[in-house]
Amino acid sequence: MTEAKKTEEKALTKRQQQIIAAALDIVATIGMHNLTIKTLAAKISVTEGALYRHFKSKNENLSGIAELFRNSS
């Protein structure tokens, strides 16, 4: 794997963590039922389409949140 590819993968991981953190903030603030791709995109100032580059769906994002909790324990 090239160094550029490794850097790109790390950047994706960092961005995914930012998305997950924003999703957690939304859930804590306004509840799970109000977590939408639209509200999440607005929270981190990206387009809705950009979110789908990192997570294919809201459910995949939620899986990321669950993984974050598992790793923090």
Protein backbone atom coordinates (compact mmCIF):
# COMPACT_ATOMS: atom_id res chain seq x y z
CA MET A 1 0.00 0.00 0.00
CA THR A 2 1.34 3.42 -0.90
CA GLU A 3 1.96 6.12 1.68
CA ALA A 4 -0.68 8.32 0.03
CA LYS A 5 -3.27 5.54 0.35
CA LYS A 6 -2.41 5.06 4.04
CA THR A 7 -2.80 8.79 4.65
CA GLU A 8 -6.14 8.80 2.83
CA GLU A 9 -7.42 5.89 4.95
CA LYS A 10 -6.37 7.67 8.15
CA ALA A 11 -8.17 10.82 6.98
CA LEU A 12 -11.32 8.82 6.32
CA THR A 13 -11.10 7.31 9.78
CA LYS A 14 -10.66 10.74 11.35
CA ARG A 15 -13.60 12.12 9.36
CA GLN A 16 -15.74 9.14 10.33
CA GLN A 17 -14.93 9.84 13.96
CA GLN A 18 -16.00 13.46 13.48
CA ILE A 19 -19.27 12.32 11.93
CA ILE A 20 -19.91 9.88 14.75
CA ALA A 21 -19.15 12.54 17.37
CA ALA A 22 -21.61 14.91 15.69
CA ALA A 23 -24.24 12.17 15.57
CA LEU A 24 -23.75 11.50 19.28
CA ASP A 25 -24.16 15.20 20.00
CA ILE A 26 -27.41 15.31 18.01
CA VAL A 27 -28.76 12.25 19.80
CA ALA A 28 -27.83 13.69 23.20
CA THR A 29 -29.36 17.06 22.36
CA ILE A 30 -32.52 16.36 20.38
CA GLY A 31 -32.95 12.60 20.51
CA MET A 32 -32.40 9.62 18.29
CA HIS A 33 -35.63 10.13 16.38
CA ASN A 34 -34.33 13.51 15.17
CA LEU A 35 -31.00 12.18 13.90
CA THR A 36 -31.30 12.46 10.15
CA ILE A 37 -28.72 12.63 7.41
CA LYS A 38 -29.87 16.21 6.81
CA THR A 39 -29.36 17.32 10.43
CA LEU A 40 -26.05 15.50 10.64
CA ALA A 41 -24.76 17.09 7.43
CA ALA A 42 -25.79 20.53 8.67
CA LYS A 43 -24.08 19.94 12.02
CA ILE A 44 -20.69 19.31 10.40
CA SER A 45 -21.18 21.66 7.44
CA VAL A 46 -21.02 19.12 4.63
CA THR A 47 -23.48 18.02 1.97
CA GLU A 48 -25.70 15.04 2.58
CA GLY A 49 -23.95 13.29 -0.30
CA ALA A 50 -20.58 13.74 1.38
CA LEU A 51 -21.83 11.76 4.39
CA TYR A 52 -22.60 8.81 2.16
CA ARG A 53 -18.93 8.66 1.19
CA HIS A 54 -18.17 7.66 4.77
CA PHE A 55 -21.36 5.85 5.80
CA LYS A 56 -23.78 4.21 3.38
CA SER A 57 -26.79 4.79 5.61
CA LYS A 58 -28.03 6.10 8.94
CA ASN A 59 -27.87 2.53 10.25
CA GLU A 60 -24.20 2.24 9.31
CA ASN A 61 -23.57 5.51 11.14
CA LEU A 62 -25.32 4.07 14.20
CA SER A 63 -23.11 1.01 13.97
CA GLY A 64 -20.15 3.39 14.08
CA ILE A 65 -21.54 4.97 17.24
CA ALA A 66 -21.92 1.54 18.84
CA GLU A 67 -18.34 0.68 17.86
CA LEU A 68 -17.12 3.92 19.42
CA PHE A 69 -18.78 2.95 22.71
CA ARG A 70 -17.28 -0.56 22.57
CA ASN A 71 -13.80 0.84 22.00
CA SER A 72 -14.09 3.39 24.80
CA SER A 73 -14.99 0.77 27.41
